[in-house]
């Protein structure tokens, strides 16, 4: 409506509606004033009640999940742990430390035995 003129809506009556094969067209128009309206409304109300029960159970579950999420560590805490893990020695570094400790221990034992025998 860039020109500022009100738009006119044309309606065309639908006259070429054909029912699906194997279906009989509704004899009473099938509109809201049909004889089965009470039964249809009752089924819809039951469906809505079922949806409301499911929704309330979902809300309870989401509340539990939210409570658990508040107890989890934050991203900064994960970063601290990641830094600590990165600073841990590797397999080969640990092996070298163990061999060094055993070597130093053996050297001390041999030194003590040499001085003790004199």
PDB file of N, CA and C in Angstrom:
ATOM      1  N   UNK A   1       0.823  -1.176   0.000  1.00  0.00           N
ATOM      2  CA  UNK A   1       0.000   0.000   0.000  1.00  0.00           C
ATOM      3  C   UNK A   1       0.866   1.238   0.000  1.00  0.00           C
ATOM      4  N   UNK A   2       1.782   1.254  -0.910  1.00  0.00           N
ATOM      5  CA  UNK A   2       2.681   2.387  -0.991  1.00  0.00           C
ATOM      6  C   UNK A   2       1.980   3.620  -1.552  1.00  0.00           C
ATOM      7  N   UNK A   3       0.940   3.415  -2.333  1.00  0.00           N
ATOM      8  CA  UNK A   3       0.269   4.549  -2.959  1.00  0.00           C
ATOM      9  C   UNK A   3      -0.728   5.214  -2.020  1.00  0.00           C
ATOM     10  N   UNK A   4      -1.028   4.591  -0.896  1.00  0.00           N
ATOM     11  CA  UNK A   4      -1.952   5.187   0.044  1.00  0.00           C
ATOM     12  C   UNK A   4      -3.402   4.858  -0.244  1.00  0.00           C
ATOM     13  N   UNK A   5      -3.676   4.121  -1.322  1.00  0.00           N
ATOM     14  CA  UNK A   5      -5.055   3.736  -1.640  1.00  0.00           C
ATOM     15  C   UNK A   5      -5.409   2.465  -0.883  1.00  0.00           C
ATOM     16  N   UNK A   6      -6.622   2.354  -0.394  1.00  0.00           N
ATOM     17  CA  UNK A   6      -7.022   1.111   0.273  1.00  0.00           C
ATOM     18  C   UNK A   6      -7.109  -0.018  -0.756  1.00  0.00           C
ATOM     19  N   UNK A   7      -6.694  -1.201  -0.348  1.00  0.00           N
ATOM     20  CA  UNK A   7      -6.741  -2.334  -1.266  1.00  0.00           C
ATOM     21  C   UNK A   7      -8.146  -2.915  -1.292  1.00  0.00           C
ATOM     22  N   UNK A   8      -8.508  -3.429  -2.414  1.00  0.00           N
ATOM     23  CA  UNK A   8      -9.806  -4.081  -2.547  1.00  0.00           C
ATOM     24  C   UNK A   8      -9.584  -5.575  -2.616  1.00  0.00           C
ATOM     25  N   UNK A   9     -10.388  -6.301  -1.879  1.00  0.00           N
ATOM     26  CA  UNK A   9     -10.273  -7.750  -1.836  1.00  0.00           C
ATOM     27  C   UNK A   9     -11.407  -8.338  -2.648  1.00  0.00           C
ATOM     28  N   UNK A  10     -11.052  -9.184  -3.599  1.00  0.00           N
ATOM     29  CA  UNK A  10     -12.071  -9.850  -4.404  1.00  0.00           C
ATOM     30  C   UNK A  10     -12.271 -11.253  -3.876  1.00  0.00           C
ATOM     31  N   UNK A  11     -13.505 -11.635  -3.722  1.00  0.00           N
ATOM     32  CA  UNK A  11     -13.812 -12.994  -3.311  1.00  0.00           C
ATOM     33  C   UNK A  11     -14.501 -13.707  -4.449  1.00  0.00           C
ATOM     34  N   UNK A  12     -14.134 -14.947  -4.639  1.00  0.00           N
ATOM     35  CA  UNK A  12     -14.725 -15.766  -5.685  1.00  0.00           C
ATOM     36  C   UNK A  12     -15.382 -16.966  -5.025  1.00  0.00           C
ATOM     37  N   UNK A  13     -16.633 -17.226  -5.298  1.00  0.00           N
ATOM     38  CA  UNK A  13     -17.272 -18.392  -4.690  1.00  0.00           C
ATOM     39  C   UNK A  13     -16.643 -19.684  -5.233  1.00  0.00           C
ATOM     40  N   UNK A  14     -16.465 -20.634  -4.334  1.00  0.00           N
ATOM     41  CA  UNK A  14     -15.856 -21.910  -4.701  1.00  0.00           C
ATOM     42  C   UNK A  14     -16.971 -22.847  -5.145  1.00  0.00           C
ATOM     43  N   UNK A  15     -16.945 -23.197  -6.399  1.00  0.00           N
ATOM     44  CA  UNK A  15     -18.005 -24.066  -6.930  1.00  0.00           C
ATOM     45  C   UNK A  15     -17.454 -25.378  -7.457  1.00  0.00           C
ATOM     46  N   UNK A  16     -16.151 -25.553  -7.471  1.00  0.00           N
ATOM     47  CA  UNK A  16     -15.575 -26.755  -8.056  1.00  0.00           C
ATOM     48  C   UNK A  16     -14.992 -27.699  -7.015  1.00  0.00           C
ATOM     49  N   UNK A  17     -15.550 -27.759  -5.812  1.00  0.00           N
ATOM     50  CA  UNK A  17     -15.054 -28.621  -4.759  1.00  0.00           C
ATOM     51  C   UNK A  17     -15.568 -30.036  -5.008  1.00  0.00           C
ATOM     52  N   UNK A  18     -14.652 -30.983  -5.034  1.00  0.00           N
ATOM     53  CA  UNK A  18     -14.990 -32.380  -5.282  1.00  0.00           C
ATOM     54  C   UNK A  18     -14.528 -33.184  -4.074  1.00  0.00           C
ATOM     55  N   UNK A  19     -15.386 -34.054  -3.505  1.00  0.00           N
ATOM     56  CA  UNK A  19     -14.951 -34.856  -2.357  1.00  0.00           C
ATOM     57  C   UNK A  19     -13.886 -35.869  -2.774  1.00  0.00           C
ATOM     58  N   UNK A  20     -13.083 -36.304  -1.799  1.00  0.00           N
ATOM     59  CA  UNK A  20     -12.082 -37.323  -2.062  1.00  0.00           C
ATOM     60  C   UNK A  20     -12.755 -38.608  -2.509  1.00  0.00           C
ATOM     61  N   UNK A  21     -12.061 -39.401  -3.321  1.00  0.00           N
ATOM     62  CA  UNK A  21     -12.662 -40.671  -3.761  1.00  0.00           C
ATOM     63  C   UNK A  21     -12.952 -41.571  -2.562  1.00  0.00           C
ATOM     64  N   UNK A  22     -14.099 -42.177  -2.558  1.00  0.00           N
ATOM     65  CA  UNK A  22     -14.494 -43.072  -1.480  1.00  0.00           C
ATOM     66  C   UNK A  22     -15.163 -42.378  -0.315  1.00  0.00           C
ATOM     67  N   UNK A  23     -15.259 -41.076  -0.343  1.00  0.00           N
ATOM     68  CA  UNK A  23     -15.905 -40.347   0.737  1.00  0.00           C
ATOM     69  C   UNK A  23     -17.220 -39.771   0.225  1.00  0.00           C
ATOM     70  N   UNK A  24     -18.203 -39.866   1.071  1.00  0.00           N
ATOM     71  CA  UNK A  24     -19.484 -39.257   0.727  1.00  0.00           C
ATOM     72  C   UNK A  24     -19.474 -37.822   1.218  1.00  0.00           C
ATOM     73  N   UNK A  25     -20.006 -36.913   0.439  1.00  0.00           N
ATOM     74  CA  UNK A  25     -20.070 -35.529   0.926  1.00  0.00           C
ATOM     75  C   UNK A  25     -21.019 -35.463   2.125  1.00  0.00           C
ATOM     76  N   UNK A  26     -20.712 -34.609   3.080  1.00  0.00           N
ATOM     77  CA  UNK A  26     -21.595 -34.508   4.250  1.00  0.00           C
ATOM     78  C   UNK A  26     -23.001 -34.087   3.823  1.00  0.00           C
ATOM     79  N   UNK A  27     -23.967 -34.790   4.394  1.00  0.00           N
ATOM     80  CA  UNK A  27     -25.349 -34.523   3.999  1.00  0.00           C
ATOM     81  C   UNK A  27     -25.894 -33.263   4.650  1.00  0.00           C
ATOM     82  N   UNK A  28     -25.364 -32.920   5.823  1.00  0.00           N
ATOM     83  CA  UNK A  28     -25.907 -31.759   6.518  1.00  0.00           C
ATOM     84  C   UNK A  28     -24.963 -30.560   6.456  1.00  0.00           C
ATOM     85  N   UNK A  29     -24.000 -30.599   5.586  1.00  0.00           N
ATOM     86  CA  UNK A  29     -23.065 -29.477   5.484  1.00  0.00           C
ATOM     87  C   UNK A  29     -21.860 -29.658   6.375  1.00  0.00           C
ATOM     88  N   UNK A  30     -21.939 -30.466   7.437  1.00  0.00           N
ATOM     89  CA  UNK A  30     -20.824 -30.768   8.318  1.00  0.00           C
ATOM     90  C   UNK A  30     -20.290 -29.570   9.067  1.00  0.00           C
ATOM     91  N   UNK A  31     -21.002 -28.506   9.116  1.00  0.00           N
ATOM     92  CA  UNK A  31     -20.536 -27.299   9.787  1.00  0.00           C
ATOM     93  C   UNK A  31     -20.682 -27.404  11.287  1.00  0.00           C
ATOM     94  N   UNK A  32     -20.481 -26.314  11.966  1.00  0.00           N
ATOM     95  CA  UNK A  32     -20.541 -26.322  13.425  1.00  0.00           C
ATOM     96  C   UNK A  32     -21.924 -26.628  13.974  1.00  0.00           C
ATOM     97  N   UNK A  33     -22.943 -26.514  13.154  1.00  0.00           N
ATOM     98  CA  UNK A  33     -24.275 -26.805  13.654  1.00  0.00           C
ATOM     99  C   UNK A  33     -24.665 -28.261  13.437  1.00  0.00           C
ATOM    100  N   UNK A  34     -23.685 -29.104  13.094  1.00  0.00           N
ATOM    101  CA  UNK A  34     -23.948 -30.527  12.865  1.00  0.00           C
ATOM    102  C   UNK A  34     -24.405 -31.216  14.147  1.00  0.00           C
ATOM    103  N   UNK A  35     -25.071 -32.369  14.016  1.00  0.00           N
ATOM    104  CA  UNK A  35     -25.599 -33.061  15.197  1.00  0.00           C
ATOM    105  C   UNK A  35     -24.511 -33.659  16.081  1.00  0.00           C
ATOM    106  N   UNK A  36     -23.286 -33.832  15.598  1.00  0.00           N
ATOM    107  CA  UNK A  36     -22.230 -34.462  16.383  1.00  0.00           C
ATOM    108  C   UNK A  36     -21.352 -33.431  17.095  1.00  0.00           C
ATOM    109  N   UNK A  37     -21.763 -32.181  17.139  1.00  0.00           N
ATOM    110  CA  UNK A  37     -20.921 -31.122  17.693  1.00  0.00           C
ATOM    111  C   UNK A  37     -20.613 -31.355  19.169  1.00  0.00           C
ATOM    112  N   UNK A  38     -21.563 -31.832  19.930  1.00  0.00           N
ATOM    113  CA  UNK A  38     -21.335 -32.081  21.357  1.00  0.00           C
ATOM    114  C   UNK A  38     -20.278 -33.145  21.570  1.00  0.00           C
ATOM    115  N   UNK A  39     -20.360 -34.201  20.796  1.00  0.00           N
ATOM    116  CA  UNK A  39     -19.389 -35.283  20.916  1.00  0.00           C
ATOM    117  C   UNK A  39     -18.000 -34.816  20.485  1.00  0.00           C
ATOM    118  N   UNK A  40     -17.941 -34.026  19.434  1.00  0.00           N
ATOM    119  CA  UNK A  40     -16.661 -33.511  18.959  1.00  0.00           C
ATOM    120  C   UNK A  40     -16.017 -32.597  19.996  1.00  0.00           C
ATOM    121  N   UNK A  41     -16.825 -31.742  20.603  1.00  0.00           N
ATOM    122  CA  UNK A  41     -16.311 -30.824  21.628  1.00  0.00           C
ATOM    123  C   UNK A  41     -15.817 -31.619  22.832  1.00  0.00           C
ATOM    124  N   UNK A  42     -16.535 -32.661  23.229  1.00  0.00           N
ATOM    125  CA  UNK A  42     -16.127 -33.481  24.366  1.00  0.00           C
ATOM    126  C   UNK A  42     -14.773 -34.146  24.093  1.00  0.00           C
ATOM    127  N   UNK A  43     -14.588 -34.652  22.873  1.00  0.00           N
ATOM    128  CA  UNK A  43     -13.302 -35.266  22.526  1.00  0.00           C
ATOM    129  C   UNK A  43     -12.180 -34.228  22.542  1.00  0.00           C
ATOM    130  N   UNK A  44     -12.474 -33.038  22.046  1.00  0.00           N
ATOM    131  CA  UNK A  44     -11.465 -31.982  22.076  1.00  0.00           C
ATOM    132  C   UNK A  44     -11.098 -31.594  23.505  1.00  0.00           C
ATOM    133  N   UNK A  45     -12.086 -31.525  24.377  1.00  0.00           N
ATOM    134  CA  UNK A  45     -11.812 -31.186  25.775  1.00  0.00           C
ATOM    135  C   UNK A  45     -10.969 -32.260  26.439  1.00  0.00           C
ATOM    136  N   UNK A  46     -11.245 -33.525  26.138  1.00  0.00           N
ATOM    137  CA  UNK A  46     -10.427 -34.607  26.698  1.00  0.00           C
ATOM    138  C   UNK A  46      -8.988 -34.500  26.184  1.00  0.00           C
ATOM    139  N   UNK A  47      -8.848 -34.194  24.908  1.00  0.00           N
ATOM    140  CA  UNK A  47      -7.503 -34.030  24.349  1.00  0.00           C
ATOM    141  C   UNK A  47      -6.759 -32.890  24.998  1.00  0.00           C
ATOM    142  N   UNK A  48      -7.458 -31.786  25.254  1.00  0.00           N
ATOM    143  CA  UNK A  48      -6.829 -30.628  25.905  1.00  0.00           C
ATOM    144  C   UNK A  48      -6.410 -30.984  27.325  1.00  0.00           C
ATOM    145  N   UNK A  49      -7.240 -31.728  28.040  1.00  0.00           N
ATOM    146  CA  UNK A  49      -6.887 -32.135  29.398  1.00  0.00           C
ATOM    147  C   UNK A  49      -5.639 -33.019  29.383  1.00  0.00           C
ATOM    148  N   UNK A  50      -5.574 -33.915  28.412  1.00  0.00           N
ATOM    149  CA  UNK A  50      -4.398 -34.771  28.294  1.00  0.00           C
ATOM    150  C   UNK A  50      -3.157 -33.930  28.009  1.00  0.00           C
ATOM    151  N   UNK A  51      -3.285 -32.961  27.122  1.00  0.00           N
ATOM    152  CA  UNK A  51      -2.151 -32.082  26.822  1.00  0.00           C
ATOM    153  C   UNK A  51      -1.731 -31.270  28.042  1.00  0.00           C
ATOM    154  N   UNK A  52      -2.692 -30.811  28.827  1.00  0.00           N
ATOM    155  CA  UNK A  52      -2.372 -30.045  30.026  1.00  0.00           C
ATOM    156  C   UNK A  52      -1.610 -30.902  31.033  1.00  0.00           C
ATOM    157  N   UNK A  53      -2.013 -32.184  31.189  1.00  0.00           N
ATOM    158  CA  UNK A  53      -1.292 -33.079  32.107  1.00  0.00           C
ATOM    159  C   UNK A  53       0.138 -33.293  31.631  1.00  0.00           C
ATOM    160  N   UNK A  54       0.292 -33.511  30.332  1.00  0.00           N
ATOM    161  CA  UNK A  54       1.632 -33.723  29.793  1.00  0.00           C
ATOM    162  C   UNK A  54       2.481 -32.469  29.954  1.00  0.00           C
ATOM    163  N   UNK A  55       1.888 -31.315  29.728  1.00  0.00           N
ATOM    164  CA  UNK A  55       2.610 -30.055  29.857  1.00  0.00           C
ATOM    165  C   UNK A  55       3.063 -29.834  31.299  1.00  0.00           C
ATOM    166  N   UNK A  56       2.199 -30.146  32.264  1.00  0.00           N
ATOM    167  CA  UNK A  56       2.588 -29.954  33.661  1.00  0.00           C
ATOM    168  C   UNK A  56       3.714 -30.914  34.048  1.00  0.00           C
ATOM    169  N   UNK A  57       3.697 -32.144  33.516  1.00  0.00           N
ATOM    170  CA  UNK A  57       4.796 -33.060  33.826  1.00  0.00           C
ATOM    171  C   UNK A  57       6.089 -32.587  33.174  1.00  0.00           C
ATOM    172  N   UNK A  58       5.991 -32.001  31.994  1.00  0.00           N
ATOM    173  CA  UNK A  58       7.179 -31.456  31.331  1.00  0.00           C
ATOM    174  C   UNK A  58       7.732 -30.286  32.135  1.00  0.00           C
ATOM    175  N   UNK A  59       6.850 -29.457  32.674  1.00  0.00           N
ATOM    176  CA  UNK A  59       7.304 -28.326  33.490  1.00  0.00           C
ATOM    177  C   UNK A  59       8.041 -28.811  34.730  1.00  0.00           C
ATOM    178  N   UNK A  60       7.549 -29.871  35.361  1.00  0.00           N
ATOM    179  CA  UNK A  60       8.219 -30.416  36.544  1.00  0.00           C
ATOM    180  C   UNK A  60       9.601 -30.946  36.157  1.00  0.00           C
ATOM    181  N   UNK A  61       9.669 -31.655  35.051  1.00  0.00           N
ATOM    182  CA  UNK A  61      10.947 -32.205  34.595  1.00  0.00           C
ATOM    183  C   UNK A  61      11.928 -31.084  34.267  1.00  0.00           C
ATOM    184  N   UNK A  62      11.467 -30.045  33.599  1.00  0.00           N
ATOM    185  CA  UNK A  62      12.339 -28.914  33.282  1.00  0.00           C
ATOM    186  C   UNK A  62      12.830 -28.222  34.555  1.00  0.00           C
ATOM    187  N   UNK A  63      11.984 -28.147  35.561  1.00  0.00           N
ATOM    188  CA  UNK A  63      12.401 -27.563  36.832  1.00  0.00           C
ATOM    189  C   UNK A  63      13.522 -28.366  37.473  1.00  0.00           C
ATOM    190  N   UNK A  64      13.392 -29.711  37.420  1.00  0.00           N
ATOM    191  CA  UNK A  64      14.442 -30.565  37.962  1.00  0.00           C
ATOM    192  C   UNK A  64      15.741 -30.387  37.186  1.00  0.00           C
ATOM    193  N   UNK A  65      15.648 -30.331  35.881  1.00  0.00           N
ATOM    194  CA  UNK A  65      16.839 -30.163  35.045  1.00  0.00           C
ATOM    195  C   UNK A  65      17.501 -28.823  35.342  1.00  0.00           C
ATOM    196  N   UNK A  66      16.692 -27.780  35.486  1.00  0.00           N
ATOM    197  CA  UNK A  66      17.243 -26.466  35.784  1.00  0.00           C
ATOM    198  C   UNK A  66      17.970 -26.467  37.124  1.00  0.00           C
ATOM    199  N   UNK A  67      17.400 -27.156  38.119  1.00  0.00           N
ATOM    200  CA  UNK A  67      18.061 -27.260  39.417  1.00  0.00           C
ATOM    201  C   UNK A  67      19.397 -27.971  39.318  1.00  0.00           C
ATOM    202  N   UNK A  68      19.452 -29.008  38.495  1.00  0.00           N
ATOM    203  CA  UNK A  68      20.712 -29.734  38.322  1.00  0.00           C
ATOM    204  C   UNK A  68      21.730 -28.884  37.561  1.00  0.00           C
ATOM    205  N   UNK A  69      21.274 -28.084  36.627  1.00  0.00           N
ATOM    206  CA  UNK A  69      22.198 -27.244  35.858  1.00  0.00           C
ATOM    207  C   UNK A  69      22.859 -26.195  36.743  1.00  0.00           C
ATOM    208  N   UNK A  70      22.147 -25.706  37.753  1.00  0.00           N
ATOM    209  CA  UNK A  70      22.727 -24.699  38.639  1.00  0.00           C
ATOM    210  C   UNK A  70      23.840 -25.298  39.489  1.00  0.00           C
ATOM    211  N   UNK A  71      23.818 -26.617  39.697  1.00  0.00           N
ATOM    212  CA  UNK A  71      24.842 -27.263  40.516  1.00  0.00           C
ATOM    213  C   UNK A  71      26.083 -27.632  39.718  1.00  0.00           C
ATOM    214  N   UNK A  72      26.005 -27.612  38.402  1.00  0.00           N
ATOM    215  CA  UNK A  72      27.159 -27.968  37.576  1.00  0.00           C
ATOM    216  C   UNK A  72      28.204 -26.865  37.611  1.00  0.00           C
ATOM    217  N   UNK A  73      29.463 -27.235  37.413  1.00  0.00           N
ATOM    218  CA  UNK A  73      30.509 -26.203  37.387  1.00  0.00           C
ATOM    219  C   UNK A  73      30.352 -25.283  36.183  1.00  0.00           C
ATOM    220  N   UNK A  74      30.785 -24.073  36.354  1.00  0.00           N
ATOM    221  CA  UNK A  74      30.705 -23.082  35.280  1.00  0.00           C
ATOM    222  C   UNK A  74      31.851 -23.288  34.295  1.00  0.00           C
ATOM    223  N   UNK A  75      31.798 -22.604  33.170  1.00  0.00           N
ATOM    224  CA  UNK A  75      32.807 -22.754  32.122  1.00  0.00           C
ATOM    225  C   UNK A  75      34.186 -22.334  32.617  1.00  0.00           C
ATOM    226  N   UNK A  76      34.241 -21.319  33.473  1.00  0.00           N
ATOM    227  CA  UNK A  76      35.540 -20.876  33.984  1.00  0.00           C
ATOM    228  C   UNK A  76      36.179 -21.961  34.858  1.00  0.00           C
ATOM    229  N   UNK A  77      35.337 -22.675  35.602  1.00  0.00           N
ATOM    230  CA  UNK A  77      35.870 -23.751  36.432  1.00  0.00           C
ATOM    231  C   UNK A  77      36.387 -24.891  35.555  1.00  0.00           C
ATOM    232  N   UNK A  78      35.717 -25.163  34.443  1.00  0.00           N
ATOM    233  CA  UNK A  78      36.212 -26.173  33.516  1.00  0.00           C
ATOM    234  C   UNK A  78      37.549 -25.735  32.932  1.00  0.00           C
ATOM    235  N   UNK A  79      37.701 -24.455  32.684  1.00  0.00           N
ATOM    236  CA  UNK A  79      38.962 -23.940  32.164  1.00  0.00           C
ATOM    237  C   UNK A  79      40.093 -24.137  33.156  1.00  0.00           C
ATOM    238  N   UNK A  80      39.801 -23.930  34.450  1.00  0.00           N
ATOM    239  CA  UNK A  80      40.805 -24.141  35.479  1.00  0.00           C
ATOM    240  C   UNK A  80      41.227 -25.603  35.517  1.00  0.00           C
ATOM    241  N   UNK A  81      40.259 -26.518  35.435  1.00  0.00           N
ATOM    242  CA  UNK A  81      40.557 -27.949  35.460  1.00  0.00           C
ATOM    243  C   UNK A  81      41.362 -28.330  34.222  1.00  0.00           C
ATOM    244  N   UNK A  82      40.991 -27.783  33.086  1.00  0.00           N
ATOM    245  CA  UNK A  82      41.709 -28.079  31.849  1.00  0.00           C
ATOM    246  C   UNK A  82      43.154 -27.625  31.955  1.00  0.00           C
ATOM    247  N   UNK A  83      43.392 -26.468  32.562  1.00  0.00           N
ATOM    248  CA  UNK A  83      44.755 -25.991  32.756  1.00  0.00           C
ATOM    249  C   UNK A  83      45.540 -26.888  33.699  1.00  0.00           C
ATOM    250  N   UNK A  84      44.892 -27.367  34.731  1.00  0.00           N
ATOM    251  CA  UNK A  84      45.565 -28.271  35.674  1.00  0.00           C
ATOM    252  C   UNK A  84      45.917 -29.591  34.993  1.00  0.00           C
ATOM    253  N   UNK A  85      45.001 -30.120  34.218  1.00  0.00           N
ATOM    254  CA  UNK A  85      45.254 -31.384  33.529  1.00  0.00           C
ATOM    255  C   UNK A  85      46.366 -31.209  32.512  1.00  0.00           C
ATOM    256  N   UNK A  86      46.399 -30.078  31.834  1.00  0.00           N
ATOM    257  CA  UNK A  86      47.438 -29.830  30.838  1.00  0.00           C
ATOM    258  C   UNK A  86      48.813 -29.743  31.491  1.00  0.00           C
ATOM    259  N   UNK A  87      48.868 -29.327  32.749  1.00  0.00           N
ATOM    260  CA  UNK A  87      50.163 -29.194  33.410  1.00  0.00           C
ATOM    261  C   UNK A  87      50.641 -30.498  34.052  1.00  0.00           C
ATOM    262  N   UNK A  88      49.829 -31.545  34.017  1.00  0.00           N
ATOM    263  CA  UNK A  88      50.250 -32.833  34.568  1.00  0.00           C
ATOM    264  C   UNK A  88      51.338 -33.439  33.678  1.00  0.00           C
ATOM    265  N   UNK A  89      52.252 -34.209  34.290  1.00  0.00           N
ATOM    266  CA  UNK A  89      53.318 -34.808  33.479  1.00  0.00           C
ATOM    267  C   UNK A  89      52.776 -35.903  32.551  1.00  0.00           C
ATOM    268  N   UNK A  90      53.478 -36.096  31.437  1.00  0.00           N
ATOM    269  CA  UNK A  90      53.087 -37.132  30.488  1.00  0.00           C
ATOM    270  C   UNK A  90      53.597 -38.486  30.958  1.00  0.00           C
ATOM    271  N   UNK A  91      53.267 -39.519  30.205  1.00  0.00           N
ATOM    272  CA  UNK A  91      53.699 -40.878  30.543  1.00  0.00           C
ATOM    273  C   UNK A  91      55.220 -40.965  30.577  1.00  0.00           C
ATOM    274  N   UNK A  92      55.884 -40.417  29.584  1.00  0.00           N
ATOM    275  CA  UNK A  92      57.343 -40.504  29.504  1.00  0.00           C
ATOM    276  C   UNK A  92      58.010 -39.678  30.593  1.00  0.00           C
ATOM    277  N   UNK A  93      57.420 -38.558  30.936  1.00  0.00           N
ATOM    278  CA  UNK A  93      57.973 -37.748  32.027  1.00  0.00           C
ATOM    279  C   UNK A  93      57.875 -38.496  33.350  1.00  0.00           C
ATOM    280  N   UNK A  94      56.736 -39.164  33.564  1.00  0.00           N
ATOM    281  CA  UNK A  94      56.570 -39.946  34.804  1.00  0.00           C
ATOM    282  C   UNK A  94      57.571 -41.100  34.850  1.00  0.00           C
ATOM    283  N   UNK A  95      57.769 -41.765  33.721  1.00  0.00           N
ATOM    284  CA  UNK A  95      58.723 -42.870  33.667  1.00  0.00           C
ATOM    285  C   UNK A  95      60.135 -42.369  33.966  1.00  0.00           C
ATOM    286  N   UNK A  96      60.505 -41.229  33.409  1.00  0.00           N
ATOM    287  CA  UNK A  96      61.829 -40.660  33.670  1.00  0.00           C
ATOM    288  C   UNK A  96      61.978 -40.296  35.146  1.00  0.00           C
ATOM    289  N   UNK A  97      60.944 -39.770  35.762  1.00  0.00           N
ATOM    290  CA  UNK A  97      61.015 -39.423  37.199  1.00  0.00           C
ATOM    291  C   UNK A  97      61.189 -40.670  38.049  1.00  0.00           C
ATOM    292  N   UNK A  98      60.459 -41.730  37.716  1.00  0.00           N
ATOM    293  CA  UNK A  98      60.557 -42.967  38.504  1.00  0.00           C
ATOM    294  C   UNK A  98      61.956 -43.560  38.378  1.00  0.00           C
ATOM    295  N   UNK A  99      62.493 -43.614  37.161  1.00  0.00           N
ATOM    296  CA  UNK A  99      63.844 -44.145  36.958  1.00  0.00           C
ATOM    297  C   UNK A  99      64.857 -43.273  37.701  1.00  0.00           C
ATOM    298  N   UNK A 100      64.677 -41.971  37.676  1.00  0.00           N
ATOM    299  CA  UNK A 100      65.601 -41.069  38.387  1.00  0.00           C
ATOM    300  C   UNK A 100      65.553 -41.290  39.888  1.00  0.00           C
ATOM    301  N   UNK A 101      64.355 -41.463  40.424  1.00  0.00           N
ATOM    302  CA  UNK A 101      64.221 -41.677  41.872  1.00  0.00           C
ATOM    303  C   UNK A 101      64.886 -43.000  42.263  1.00  0.00           C
ATOM    304  N   UNK A 102      64.654 -44.057  41.480  1.00  0.00           N
ATOM    305  CA  UNK A 102      65.290 -45.336  41.797  1.00  0.00           C
ATOM    306  C   UNK A 102      66.812 -45.228  41.669  1.00  0.00           C
ATOM    307  N   UNK A 103      67.279 -44.518  40.650  1.00  0.00           N
ATOM    308  CA  UNK A 103      68.732 -44.330  40.490  1.00  0.00           C
ATOM    309  C   UNK A 103      69.322 -43.566  41.650  1.00  0.00           C
ATOM    310  N   UNK A 104      68.654 -42.495  42.074  1.00  0.00           N
ATOM    311  CA  UNK A 104      69.152 -41.715  43.210  1.00  0.00           C
ATOM    312  C   UNK A 104      69.134 -42.558  44.485  1.00  0.00           C
ATOM    313  N   UNK A 105      68.086 -43.347  44.655  1.00  0.00           N
ATOM    314  CA  UNK A 105      68.015 -44.219  45.841  1.00  0.00           C
ATOM    315  C   UNK A 105      69.124 -45.242  45.834  1.00  0.00           C
ATOM    316  N   UNK A 106      69.386 -45.837  44.686  1.00  0.00           N
ATOM    317  CA  UNK A 106      70.472 -46.824  44.591  1.00  0.00           C
ATOM    318  C   UNK A 106      71.811 -46.169  44.872  1.00  0.00           C
ATOM    319  N   UNK A 107      72.031 -44.957  44.363  1.00  0.00           N
ATOM    320  CA  UNK A 107      73.296 -44.255  44.609  1.00  0.00           C
ATOM    321  C   UNK A 107      73.476 -43.978  46.094  1.00  0.00           C
ATOM    322  N   UNK A 108      72.432 -43.591  46.755  1.00  0.00           N
ATOM    323  CA  UNK A 108      72.515 -43.320  48.207  1.00  0.00           C
ATOM    324  C   UNK A 108      72.836 -44.601  48.956  1.00  0.00           C
ATOM    325  N   UNK A 109      72.180 -45.715  48.593  1.00  0.00           N
ATOM    326  CA  UNK A 109      72.441 -46.994  49.271  1.00  0.00           C
ATOM    327  C   UNK A 109      73.893 -47.399  49.053  1.00  0.00           C
ATOM    328  N   UNK A 110      74.408 -47.298  47.827  1.00  0.00           N
ATOM    329  CA  UNK A 110      75.805 -47.678  47.580  1.00  0.00           C
ATOM    330  C   UNK A 110      76.766 -46.760  48.340  1.00  0.00           C
ATOM    331  N   UNK A 111      76.467 -45.462  48.422  1.00  0.00           N
ATOM    332  CA  UNK A 111      77.331 -44.530  49.142  1.00  0.00           C
ATOM    333  C   UNK A 111      77.340 -44.852  50.621  1.00  0.00           C
ATOM    334  N   UNK A 112      76.176 -45.157  51.196  1.00  0.00           N
ATOM    335  CA  UNK A 112      76.099 -45.470  52.625  1.00  0.00           C
ATOM    336  C   UNK A 112      76.852 -46.775  52.897  1.00  0.00           C
ATOM    337  N   UNK A 113      76.741 -47.761  52.018  1.00  0.00           N
ATOM    338  CA  UNK A 113      77.417 -49.039  52.223  1.00  0.00           C
ATOM    339  C   UNK A 113      78.945 -48.862  52.127  1.00  0.00           C
ATOM    340  N   UNK A 114      79.408 -47.986  51.232  1.00  0.00           N
ATOM    341  CA  UNK A 114      80.839 -47.760  51.078  1.00  0.00           C
ATOM    342  C   UNK A 114      81.426 -47.090  52.311  1.00  0.00           C
ATOM    343  N   UNK A 115      80.708 -46.082  52.831  1.00  0.00           N
ATOM    344  CA  UNK A 115      81.201 -45.382  54.004  1.00  0.00           C
ATOM    345  C   UNK A 115      81.023 -46.229  55.270  1.00  0.00           C
ATOM    346  N   UNK A 116      80.070 -47.111  55.288  1.00  0.00           N
ATOM    347  CA  UNK A 116      79.833 -47.954  56.460  1.00  0.00           C
ATOM    348  C   UNK A 116      80.899 -49.063  56.544  1.00  0.00           C
ATOM    349  N   UNK A 117      81.422 -49.497  55.436  1.00  0.00           N
ATOM    350  CA  UNK A 117      82.416 -50.580  55.472  1.00  0.00           C
ATOM    351  C   UNK A 117      83.802 -50.050  55.872  1.00  0.00           C
ATOM    352  N   UNK A 118      84.055 -48.789  55.796  1.00  0.00           N
ATOM    353  CA  UNK A 118      85.364 -48.205  56.175  1.00  0.00           C
ATOM    354  C   UNK A 118      85.440 -47.986  57.628  1.00  0.00           C
TER     355      UNK A 118
END
